[in-house]
Amino acid sequence: MINRILEAIISALLLAAVGVAFLAVIYRYLLDNALSWSFEVSLALLTYITFLGSYLALRRGAHLKVDVFVRNLPFWAQGVLYVINQLLIGGVGWIMAWYGGRQVIRFAGQTTNVLEISSSWLYAAIPIAGALICLDALIQIARSLPRIRQGLDPDSRHGADNSPFDL
């Protein structure tokens, strides 16, 4: 469910970014009048697409990984490495949330040059995605522990939409 909501949000942001870029080209080259706000809006949209998209890719297990070595280990060792990996992912998410939150606070008083909105709106994508990544890692650890005890593959992402842990 959450994957579909994220897909819809990211799709809407992408559509808006394409629309803004299209308008900017039309105004610049056909009407000979550049839109002053198009760069800032595009930057904000692409920032949110990037960070929300990275969280969606994490939820889907779509990030690049090389697991030839891990798949040849016994299930208990795969489980240990999976939990360590999730702890590292959660740590990165926590760092993004913590330091991204500090950036949001630090730049709350500054405004963008053209739109004159708070710069913290641009930086807010980082702690939001970081908190979601950290939460997802904790959920994956909780989800994997019973599977590890049963000798099953610890990564159960393919059935995430039907799980009670799904956000």
C-alpha atoms as a PDB file:
ATOM      1  CA  MET A   1       0.000   0.000   0.000  1.00  0.00           C
ATOM      2  CA  ILE A   2       2.693   2.497   1.006  1.00  0.00           C
ATOM      3  CA  ASN A   3       4.627   1.664  -2.177  1.00  0.00           C
ATOM      4  CA  ARG A   4       1.666   2.679  -4.319  1.00  0.00           C
ATOM      5  CA  ILE A   5       1.212   5.911  -2.384  1.00  0.00           C
ATOM      6  CA  LEU A   6       4.912   6.733  -2.792  1.00  0.00           C
ATOM      7  CA  GLU A   7       4.726   5.880  -6.494  1.00  0.00           C
ATOM      8  CA  ALA A   8       1.778   8.253  -6.901  1.00  0.00           C
ATOM      9  CA  ILE A   9       3.548  11.064  -5.015  1.00  0.00           C
ATOM     10  CA  ILE A  10       6.789  10.611  -6.946  1.00  0.00           C
ATOM     11  CA  SER A  11       4.891  10.392 -10.238  1.00  0.00           C
ATOM     12  CA  ALA A  12       3.059  13.634  -9.465  1.00  0.00           C
ATOM     13  CA  LEU A  13       6.342  15.342  -8.548  1.00  0.00           C
ATOM     14  CA  LEU A  14       7.961  14.064 -11.740  1.00  0.00           C
ATOM     15  CA  LEU A  15       5.026  15.245 -13.833  1.00  0.00           C
ATOM     16  CA  ALA A  16       5.268  18.662 -12.181  1.00  0.00           C
ATOM     17  CA  ALA A  17       9.041  18.804 -12.822  1.00  0.00           C
ATOM     18  CA  VAL A  18       8.546  17.943 -16.498  1.00  0.00           C
ATOM     19  CA  GLY A  19       5.771  20.529 -16.729  1.00  0.00           C
ATOM     20  CA  VAL A  20       7.939  23.243 -15.186  1.00  0.00           C
ATOM     21  CA  ALA A  21      10.854  22.379 -17.483  1.00  0.00           C
ATOM     22  CA  PHE A  22       8.550  22.396 -20.509  1.00  0.00           C
ATOM     23  CA  LEU A  23       7.135  25.802 -19.546  1.00  0.00           C
ATOM     24  CA  ALA A  24      10.636  27.158 -18.971  1.00  0.00           C
ATOM     25  CA  VAL A  25      11.712  26.082 -22.468  1.00  0.00           C
ATOM     26  CA  ILE A  26       8.557  27.515 -24.061  1.00  0.00           C
ATOM     27  CA  TYR A  27       8.950  30.825 -22.272  1.00  0.00           C
ATOM     28  CA  ARG A  28      12.690  31.105 -22.920  1.00  0.00           C
ATOM     29  CA  TYR A  29      12.840  30.089 -26.581  1.00  0.00           C
ATOM     30  CA  LEU A  30       9.401  30.850 -27.996  1.00  0.00           C
ATOM     31  CA  LEU A  31       8.364  33.855 -25.951  1.00  0.00           C
ATOM     32  CA  ASP A  32      11.905  35.162 -25.302  1.00  0.00           C
ATOM     33  CA  ASN A  33      11.073  35.667 -21.637  1.00  0.00           C
ATOM     34  CA  ALA A  34      12.724  33.378 -19.058  1.00  0.00           C
ATOM     35  CA  LEU A  35      10.759  32.213 -16.031  1.00  0.00           C
ATOM     36  CA  SER A  36      12.739  33.338 -12.999  1.00  0.00           C
ATOM     37  CA  TRP A  37      11.224  30.761 -10.664  1.00  0.00           C
ATOM     38  CA  SER A  38      11.594  27.628 -12.808  1.00  0.00           C
ATOM     39  CA  PHE A  39      15.057  26.664 -11.549  1.00  0.00           C
ATOM     40  CA  GLU A  40      14.112  26.835  -7.860  1.00  0.00           C
ATOM     41  CA  VAL A  41      10.899  24.878  -8.373  1.00  0.00           C
ATOM     42  CA  SER A  42      12.685  22.248 -10.477  1.00  0.00           C
ATOM     43  CA  LEU A  43      15.415  21.935  -7.846  1.00  0.00           C
ATOM     44  CA  ALA A  44      12.865  21.423  -5.070  1.00  0.00           C
ATOM     45  CA  LEU A  45      10.885  18.865  -7.077  1.00  0.00           C
ATOM     46  CA  LEU A  46      13.980  16.897  -8.086  1.00  0.00           C
ATOM     47  CA  THR A  47      15.257  16.918  -4.497  1.00  0.00           C
ATOM     48  CA  TYR A  48      12.043  15.339  -3.223  1.00  0.00           C
ATOM     49  CA  ILE A  49      11.942  12.887  -6.154  1.00  0.00           C
ATOM     50  CA  THR A  50      15.496  11.799  -5.336  1.00  0.00           C
ATOM     51  CA  PHE A  51      15.075  11.267  -1.600  1.00  0.00           C
ATOM     52  CA  LEU A  52      11.569   9.790  -1.677  1.00  0.00           C
ATOM     53  CA  GLY A  53      12.636   7.658  -4.639  1.00  0.00           C
ATOM     54  CA  SER A  54      15.610   6.311  -2.709  1.00  0.00           C
ATOM     55  CA  TYR A  55      13.286   5.264   0.100  1.00  0.00           C
ATOM     56  CA  LEU A  56      10.925   3.587  -2.390  1.00  0.00           C
ATOM     57  CA  ALA A  57      13.856   1.747  -3.974  1.00  0.00           C
ATOM     58  CA  LEU A  58      14.934   0.570  -0.510  1.00  0.00           C
ATOM     59  CA  ARG A  59      11.428  -0.705   0.238  1.00  0.00           C
ATOM     60  CA  ARG A  60      11.410  -2.642  -3.005  1.00  0.00           C
ATOM     61  CA  GLY A  61      14.921  -4.018  -2.513  1.00  0.00           C
ATOM     62  CA  ALA A  62      15.887  -2.370  -5.808  1.00  0.00           C
ATOM     63  CA  HIS A  63      19.266  -0.971  -4.786  1.00  0.00           C
ATOM     64  CA  LEU A  64      22.263  -2.594  -6.392  1.00  0.00           C
ATOM     65  CA  LYS A  65      23.709  -5.497  -4.438  1.00  0.00           C
ATOM     66  CA  VAL A  66      26.130  -8.309  -5.099  1.00  0.00           C
ATOM     67  CA  ASP A  67      25.101 -11.322  -3.057  1.00  0.00           C
ATOM     68  CA  VAL A  68      27.045 -14.175  -4.657  1.00  0.00           C
ATOM     69  CA  PHE A  69      29.172 -14.624  -1.549  1.00  0.00           C
ATOM     70  CA  VAL A  70      26.300 -14.247   0.906  1.00  0.00           C
ATOM     71  CA  ARG A  71      24.015 -16.731  -0.895  1.00  0.00           C
ATOM     72  CA  ASN A  72      26.663 -19.439  -0.503  1.00  0.00           C
ATOM     73  CA  LEU A  73      26.753 -19.055   3.289  1.00  0.00           C
ATOM     74  CA  PRO A  74      24.584 -21.063   5.692  1.00  0.00           C
ATOM     75  CA  PHE A  75      21.217 -19.471   6.529  1.00  0.00           C
ATOM     76  CA  TRP A  76      22.303 -18.444  10.036  1.00  0.00           C
ATOM     77  CA  ALA A  77      25.301 -16.545   8.585  1.00  0.00           C
ATOM     78  CA  GLN A  78      23.081 -14.961   5.944  1.00  0.00           C
ATOM     79  CA  GLY A  79      20.787 -13.880   8.761  1.00  0.00           C
ATOM     80  CA  VAL A  80      23.624 -12.333  10.756  1.00  0.00           C
ATOM     81  CA  LEU A  81      24.885 -10.429   7.714  1.00  0.00           C
ATOM     82  CA  TYR A  82      21.346  -9.341   6.852  1.00  0.00           C
ATOM     83  CA  VAL A  83      20.818  -7.892  10.330  1.00  0.00           C
ATOM     84  CA  ILE A  84      24.229  -6.151  10.206  1.00  0.00           C
ATOM     85  CA  ASN A  85      23.333  -4.738   6.786  1.00  0.00           C
ATOM     86  CA  GLN A  86      19.986  -3.472   8.089  1.00  0.00           C
ATOM     87  CA  LEU A  87      21.735  -1.897  11.087  1.00  0.00           C
ATOM     88  CA  LEU A  88      24.080  -0.072   8.694  1.00  0.00           C
ATOM     89  CA  ILE A  89      21.155   1.061   6.548  1.00  0.00           C
ATOM     90  CA  GLY A  90      19.328   2.229   9.671  1.00  0.00           C
ATOM     91  CA  GLY A  91      22.459   4.060  10.788  1.00  0.00           C
ATOM     92  CA  VAL A  92      22.685   5.903   7.490  1.00  0.00           C
ATOM     93  CA  GLY A  93      18.986   6.762   7.766  1.00  0.00           C
ATOM     94  CA  TRP A  94      19.516   8.037  11.302  1.00  0.00           C
ATOM     95  CA  ILE A  95      22.456  10.188  10.152  1.00  0.00           C
ATOM     96  CA  MET A  96      20.315  11.600   7.344  1.00  0.00           C
ATOM     97  CA  ALA A  97      17.465  12.314   9.771  1.00  0.00           C
ATOM     98  CA  TRP A  98      19.691  13.840  12.461  1.00  0.00           C
ATOM     99  CA  TYR A  99      21.971  15.998  10.335  1.00  0.00           C
ATOM    100  CA  GLY A 100      19.259  16.740   7.779  1.00  0.00           C
ATOM    101  CA  GLY A 101      17.049  17.938  10.626  1.00  0.00           C
ATOM    102  CA  ARG A 102      19.870  20.161  11.838  1.00  0.00           C
ATOM    103  CA  GLN A 103      20.160  21.618   8.315  1.00  0.00           C
ATOM    104  CA  VAL A 104      16.417  22.288   8.244  1.00  0.00           C
ATOM    105  CA  ILE A 105      16.709  24.194  11.524  1.00  0.00           C
ATOM    106  CA  ARG A 106      19.919  25.962  10.469  1.00  0.00           C
ATOM    107  CA  PHE A 107      18.428  27.274   7.223  1.00  0.00           C
ATOM    108  CA  ALA A 108      14.910  28.010   8.514  1.00  0.00           C
ATOM    109  CA  GLY A 109      15.628  31.734   8.546  1.00  0.00           C
ATOM    110  CA  GLN A 110      17.039  31.871   5.022  1.00  0.00           C
ATOM    111  CA  THR A 111      14.883  32.219   1.954  1.00  0.00           C
ATOM    112  CA  THR A 112      15.378  31.224  -1.652  1.00  0.00           C
ATOM    113  CA  ASN A 113      16.452  33.989  -4.032  1.00  0.00           C
ATOM    114  CA  VAL A 114      13.441  34.156  -6.322  1.00  0.00           C
ATOM    115  CA  LEU A 115      10.468  32.533  -4.586  1.00  0.00           C
ATOM    116  CA  GLU A 116      11.531  33.818  -1.165  1.00  0.00           C
ATOM    117  CA  ILE A 117      10.335  30.711   0.654  1.00  0.00           C
ATOM    118  CA  SER A 118      12.250  29.209   3.536  1.00  0.00           C
ATOM    119  CA  SER A 119      15.245  27.141   2.419  1.00  0.00           C
ATOM    120  CA  SER A 120      14.302  24.618   5.074  1.00  0.00           C
ATOM    121  CA  TRP A 121      11.594  23.315   2.704  1.00  0.00           C
ATOM    122  CA  LEU A 122      14.336  22.169   0.331  1.00  0.00           C
ATOM    123  CA  TYR A 123      16.337  20.498   3.102  1.00  0.00           C
ATOM    124  CA  ALA A 124      13.285  18.825   4.663  1.00  0.00           C
ATOM    125  CA  ALA A 125      13.429  16.000   2.106  1.00  0.00           C
ATOM    126  CA  ILE A 126      16.638  14.707   3.722  1.00  0.00           C
ATOM    127  CA  PRO A 127      15.392  14.105   7.294  1.00  0.00           C
ATOM    128  CA  ILE A 128      12.040  12.833   6.025  1.00  0.00           C
ATOM    129  CA  ALA A 129      13.719  10.206   3.836  1.00  0.00           C
ATOM    130  CA  GLY A 130      16.266   9.449   6.570  1.00  0.00           C
ATOM    131  CA  ALA A 131      13.598   8.826   9.180  1.00  0.00           C
ATOM    132  CA  LEU A 132      11.685   6.584   6.788  1.00  0.00           C
ATOM    133  CA  ILE A 133      14.856   4.643   5.912  1.00  0.00           C
ATOM    134  CA  CYS A 134      15.730   4.190   9.591  1.00  0.00           C
ATOM    135  CA  LEU A 135      12.208   3.042  10.410  1.00  0.00           C
ATOM    136  CA  ASP A 136      12.214   0.634   7.471  1.00  0.00           C
ATOM    137  CA  ALA A 137      15.512  -0.894   8.625  1.00  0.00           C
ATOM    138  CA  LEU A 138      14.108  -1.483  12.109  1.00  0.00           C
ATOM    139  CA  ILE A 139      10.976  -3.067  10.629  1.00  0.00           C
ATOM    140  CA  GLN A 140      13.109  -5.304   8.417  1.00  0.00           C
ATOM    141  CA  ILE A 141      15.154  -6.451  11.418  1.00  0.00           C
ATOM    142  CA  ALA A 142      11.982  -7.247  13.369  1.00  0.00           C
ATOM    143  CA  ARG A 143      10.573  -9.036  10.332  1.00  0.00           C
ATOM    144  CA  SER A 144      13.749 -11.044   9.709  1.00  0.00           C
ATOM    145  CA  LEU A 145      14.421 -12.405  13.201  1.00  0.00           C
ATOM    146  CA  PRO A 146      11.597 -14.999  13.180  1.00  0.00           C
ATOM    147  CA  ARG A 147      12.589 -16.016   9.655  1.00  0.00           C
ATOM    148  CA  ILE A 148      16.210 -16.461  10.712  1.00  0.00           C
ATOM    149  CA  ARG A 149      15.143 -18.628  13.651  1.00  0.00           C
ATOM    150  CA  GLN A 150      13.147 -20.814  11.229  1.00  0.00           C
ATOM    151  CA  GLY A 151      16.113 -21.153   8.861  1.00  0.00           C
ATOM    152  CA  LEU A 152      14.422 -19.132   6.098  1.00  0.00           C
ATOM    153  CA  ASP A 153      15.706 -16.341   3.880  1.00  0.00           C
ATOM    154  CA  PRO A 154      15.825 -13.272   6.146  1.00  0.00           C
ATOM    155  CA  ASP A 155      14.843 -10.888   3.346  1.00  0.00           C
ATOM    156  CA  SER A 156      11.069 -11.099   2.951  1.00  0.00           C
ATOM    157  CA  ARG A 157      10.514  -7.877   0.988  1.00  0.00           C
ATOM    158  CA  HIS A 158       8.674  -9.564  -1.870  1.00  0.00           C
ATOM    159  CA  GLY A 159       5.604 -10.010   0.345  1.00  0.00           C
ATOM    160  CA  ALA A 160       5.799  -6.601   2.014  1.00  0.00           C
ATOM    161  CA  ASP A 161       2.397  -5.337   0.849  1.00  0.00           C
ATOM    162  CA  ASN A 162       0.560  -8.073   2.796  1.00  0.00           C
ATOM    163  CA  SER A 163       2.553  -7.836   6.005  1.00  0.00           C
ATOM    164  CA  PRO A 164       1.279  -6.380   9.283  1.00  0.00           C
ATOM    165  CA  PHE A 165       4.594  -4.455   9.447  1.00  0.00           C
ATOM    166  CA  ASP A 166       3.805  -2.596   6.234  1.00  0.00           C
ATOM    167  CA  LEU A 167       3.518   1.132   6.879  1.00  0.00           C
END
